[in-house]
Amino acid sequence: KLNIVAVIPVRDENLELAGKPLFEYSINHAKQSKYIKKIVVSTGDGQIASQAELLGAEVPFLRDEEHSHFDVILEKLMQYVLQELEKRGVFPDIFVMLEITFPFILSLLL
């Protein structure tokens, strides 16, 4: 079986929709997927990390300052996340990035 990891990048701001943080929708949809084996939230904010872990995601590291800026290039961020995961023994066969700005992506994951 393939090791499919969902990476959810969350900036250090807590945007909400209908009283829930946007990243909560992404975590919940990823948890329902029969394909995704691990859900990783990438953030530099400790409070967001704690919330994400309570929702069932993993936050194996907090982003460093260089990768926490609002204008960080997404490709550069994903390379950083993959390098950090590999340092921790996580080697995805496939990784999918779930942006929190698409809270209704469920049909694509199941």
C-alpha atoms as a PDB file:
ATOM      1  CA  LYS A   1       0.000   0.000   0.000  1.00  0.00           C
ATOM      2  CA  LEU A   2       1.134   3.513  -0.736  1.00  0.00           C
ATOM      3  CA  ASN A   3       2.057   5.876   2.056  1.00  0.00           C
ATOM      4  CA  ILE A   4      -0.097   8.880   1.178  1.00  0.00           C
ATOM      5  CA  VAL A   5       0.392  11.932   3.365  1.00  0.00           C
ATOM      6  CA  ALA A   6      -1.866  14.989   3.353  1.00  0.00           C
ATOM      7  CA  VAL A   7      -0.065  18.232   4.134  1.00  0.00           C
ATOM      8  CA  ILE A   8      -2.219  21.149   5.254  1.00  0.00           C
ATOM      9  CA  PRO A   9      -0.312  24.449   5.321  1.00  0.00           C
ATOM     10  CA  VAL A  10      -1.807  26.906   7.819  1.00  0.00           C
ATOM     11  CA  ARG A  11      -0.531  30.443   8.147  1.00  0.00           C
ATOM     12  CA  ASP A  12      -0.273  32.023  11.543  1.00  0.00           C
ATOM     13  CA  GLU A  13      -3.767  33.403  11.332  1.00  0.00           C
ATOM     14  CA  ASN A  14      -6.916  31.590  12.291  1.00  0.00           C
ATOM     15  CA  LEU A  15      -9.496  32.176   9.562  1.00  0.00           C
ATOM     16  CA  GLU A  16     -12.954  30.789  10.299  1.00  0.00           C
ATOM     17  CA  LEU A  17     -16.034  29.664   8.419  1.00  0.00           C
ATOM     18  CA  ALA A  18     -19.306  29.018  10.276  1.00  0.00           C
ATOM     19  CA  GLY A  19     -17.500  29.252  13.616  1.00  0.00           C
ATOM     20  CA  LYS A  20     -14.791  26.689  12.784  1.00  0.00           C
ATOM     21  CA  PRO A  21     -11.193  27.291  11.757  1.00  0.00           C
ATOM     22  CA  LEU A  22     -10.798  26.660   8.032  1.00  0.00           C
ATOM     23  CA  PHE A  23      -8.118  24.042   8.640  1.00  0.00           C
ATOM     24  CA  GLU A  24     -10.642  21.975  10.632  1.00  0.00           C
ATOM     25  CA  TYR A  25     -12.583  21.276   7.425  1.00  0.00           C
ATOM     26  CA  SER A  26      -9.442  20.050   5.658  1.00  0.00           C
ATOM     27  CA  ILE A  27      -8.460  17.815   8.574  1.00  0.00           C
ATOM     28  CA  ASN A  28     -11.935  16.305   8.828  1.00  0.00           C
ATOM     29  CA  HIS A  29     -12.113  15.594   5.097  1.00  0.00           C
ATOM     30  CA  ALA A  30      -8.658  14.029   5.095  1.00  0.00           C
ATOM     31  CA  LYS A  31      -9.672  11.803   8.026  1.00  0.00           C
ATOM     32  CA  GLN A  32     -12.586  10.483   5.949  1.00  0.00           C
ATOM     33  CA  SER A  33     -10.377   9.526   3.012  1.00  0.00           C
ATOM     34  CA  LYS A  34      -9.651   5.847   2.493  1.00  0.00           C
ATOM     35  CA  TYR A  35      -6.371   6.780   0.784  1.00  0.00           C
ATOM     36  CA  ILE A  36      -4.697   9.214   3.152  1.00  0.00           C
ATOM     37  CA  LYS A  37      -2.613   7.504   5.839  1.00  0.00           C
ATOM     38  CA  LYS A  38      -1.227  10.538   7.661  1.00  0.00           C
ATOM     39  CA  ILE A  39      -2.421  14.128   8.073  1.00  0.00           C
ATOM     40  CA  VAL A  40       0.264  16.724   8.734  1.00  0.00           C
ATOM     41  CA  VAL A  41      -0.458  20.363   9.496  1.00  0.00           C
ATOM     42  CA  SER A  42       2.370  22.752   8.715  1.00  0.00           C
ATOM     43  CA  THR A  43       2.276  25.940  10.779  1.00  0.00           C
ATOM     44  CA  GLY A  44       4.554  28.180  12.761  1.00  0.00           C
ATOM     45  CA  ASP A  45       1.880  28.910  15.384  1.00  0.00           C
ATOM     46  CA  GLY A  46       1.803  26.818  18.555  1.00  0.00           C
ATOM     47  CA  GLN A  47      -1.877  27.464  19.240  1.00  0.00           C
ATOM     48  CA  ILE A  48      -2.879  26.343  15.738  1.00  0.00           C
ATOM     49  CA  ALA A  49      -0.643  23.295  16.173  1.00  0.00           C
ATOM     50  CA  SER A  50      -2.425  22.368  19.406  1.00  0.00           C
ATOM     51  CA  GLN A  51      -5.852  22.790  17.812  1.00  0.00           C
ATOM     52  CA  ALA A  52      -4.813  20.681  14.817  1.00  0.00           C
ATOM     53  CA  GLU A  53      -3.543  17.881  17.046  1.00  0.00           C
ATOM     54  CA  LEU A  54      -6.806  17.880  19.018  1.00  0.00           C
ATOM     55  CA  LEU A  55      -8.609  17.407  15.694  1.00  0.00           C
ATOM     56  CA  GLY A  56      -6.493  14.354  14.830  1.00  0.00           C
ATOM     57  CA  ALA A  57      -3.722  15.801  12.691  1.00  0.00           C
ATOM     58  CA  GLU A  58      -0.018  15.576  13.386  1.00  0.00           C
ATOM     59  CA  VAL A  59       2.230  18.600  13.786  1.00  0.00           C
ATOM     60  CA  PRO A  60       5.684  17.028  13.964  1.00  0.00           C
ATOM     61  CA  PHE A  61       7.439  20.416  13.867  1.00  0.00           C
ATOM     62  CA  LEU A  62       6.700  24.118  13.836  1.00  0.00           C
ATOM     63  CA  ARG A  63       7.773  25.992  10.731  1.00  0.00           C
ATOM     64  CA  ASP A  64      10.844  28.130  11.037  1.00  0.00           C
ATOM     65  CA  GLU A  65      10.590  31.889  10.522  1.00  0.00           C
ATOM     66  CA  GLU A  66      11.853  31.735   6.938  1.00  0.00           C
ATOM     67  CA  HIS A  67       8.936  29.518   5.910  1.00  0.00           C
ATOM     68  CA  SER A  68       6.270  31.255   7.979  1.00  0.00           C
ATOM     69  CA  HIS A  69       6.064  34.494   6.027  1.00  0.00           C
ATOM     70  CA  PHE A  70       2.839  35.428   4.281  1.00  0.00           C
ATOM     71  CA  ASP A  71       4.571  35.542   0.893  1.00  0.00           C
ATOM     72  CA  VAL A  72       6.463  32.250   1.076  1.00  0.00           C
ATOM     73  CA  ILE A  73       6.387  30.418  -2.255  1.00  0.00           C
ATOM     74  CA  LEU A  74       4.228  27.332  -1.883  1.00  0.00           C
ATOM     75  CA  GLU A  75       6.647  25.095  -3.797  1.00  0.00           C
ATOM     76  CA  LYS A  76       9.481  26.150  -1.464  1.00  0.00           C
ATOM     77  CA  LEU A  77       7.259  25.494   1.554  1.00  0.00           C
ATOM     78  CA  MET A  78       6.357  21.989   0.360  1.00  0.00           C
ATOM     79  CA  GLN A  79      10.026  21.150  -0.242  1.00  0.00           C
ATOM     80  CA  TYR A  80      10.783  22.316   3.301  1.00  0.00           C
ATOM     81  CA  VAL A  81       7.915  20.251   4.756  1.00  0.00           C
ATOM     82  CA  LEU A  82       9.041  17.117   2.908  1.00  0.00           C
ATOM     83  CA  GLN A  83      12.638  17.579   4.077  1.00  0.00           C
ATOM     84  CA  GLU A  84      11.482  18.001   7.671  1.00  0.00           C
ATOM     85  CA  LEU A  85       9.268  14.918   7.444  1.00  0.00           C
ATOM     86  CA  GLU A  86      12.149  12.867   6.042  1.00  0.00           C
ATOM     87  CA  LYS A  87      14.344  13.995   8.975  1.00  0.00           C
ATOM     88  CA  ARG A  88      11.674  12.451  11.206  1.00  0.00           C
ATOM     89  CA  GLY A  89      11.509   9.172   9.283  1.00  0.00           C
ATOM     90  CA  VAL A  90       8.404   9.929   7.229  1.00  0.00           C
ATOM     91  CA  PHE A  91       8.868   9.091   3.546  1.00  0.00           C
ATOM     92  CA  PRO A  92       5.616   9.597   1.624  1.00  0.00           C
ATOM     93  CA  ASP A  93       5.109   7.761  -1.657  1.00  0.00           C
ATOM     94  CA  ILE A  94       2.611  10.471  -2.515  1.00  0.00           C
ATOM     95  CA  PHE A  95       1.762  13.675  -0.746  1.00  0.00           C
ATOM     96  CA  VAL A  96      -1.212  15.863  -1.336  1.00  0.00           C
ATOM     97  CA  MET A  97      -1.485  19.442  -0.276  1.00  0.00           C
ATOM     98  CA  LEU A  98      -4.870  20.484   1.040  1.00  0.00           C
ATOM     99  CA  GLU A  99      -5.215  24.233   1.116  1.00  0.00           C
ATOM    100  CA  ILE A 100      -7.571  25.497   3.767  1.00  0.00           C
ATOM    101  CA  THR A 101      -9.136  27.889   1.286  1.00  0.00           C
ATOM    102  CA  PHE A 102     -10.962  24.917  -0.289  1.00  0.00           C
ATOM    103  CA  PRO A 103     -13.028  23.681   2.674  1.00  0.00           C
ATOM    104  CA  PHE A 104     -15.439  21.635   0.530  1.00  0.00           C
ATOM    105  CA  ILE A 105     -12.942  19.397  -1.258  1.00  0.00           C
ATOM    106  CA  LEU A 106     -14.389  16.166   0.158  1.00  0.00           C
ATOM    107  CA  SER A 107     -15.467  14.640  -3.134  1.00  0.00           C
ATOM    108  CA  LEU A 108     -11.887  14.614  -4.401  1.00  0.00           C
ATOM    109  CA  LEU A 109     -10.515  12.667  -1.448  1.00  0.00           C
ATOM    110  CA  LEU A 110     -12.850   9.721  -1.015  1.00  0.00           C
END
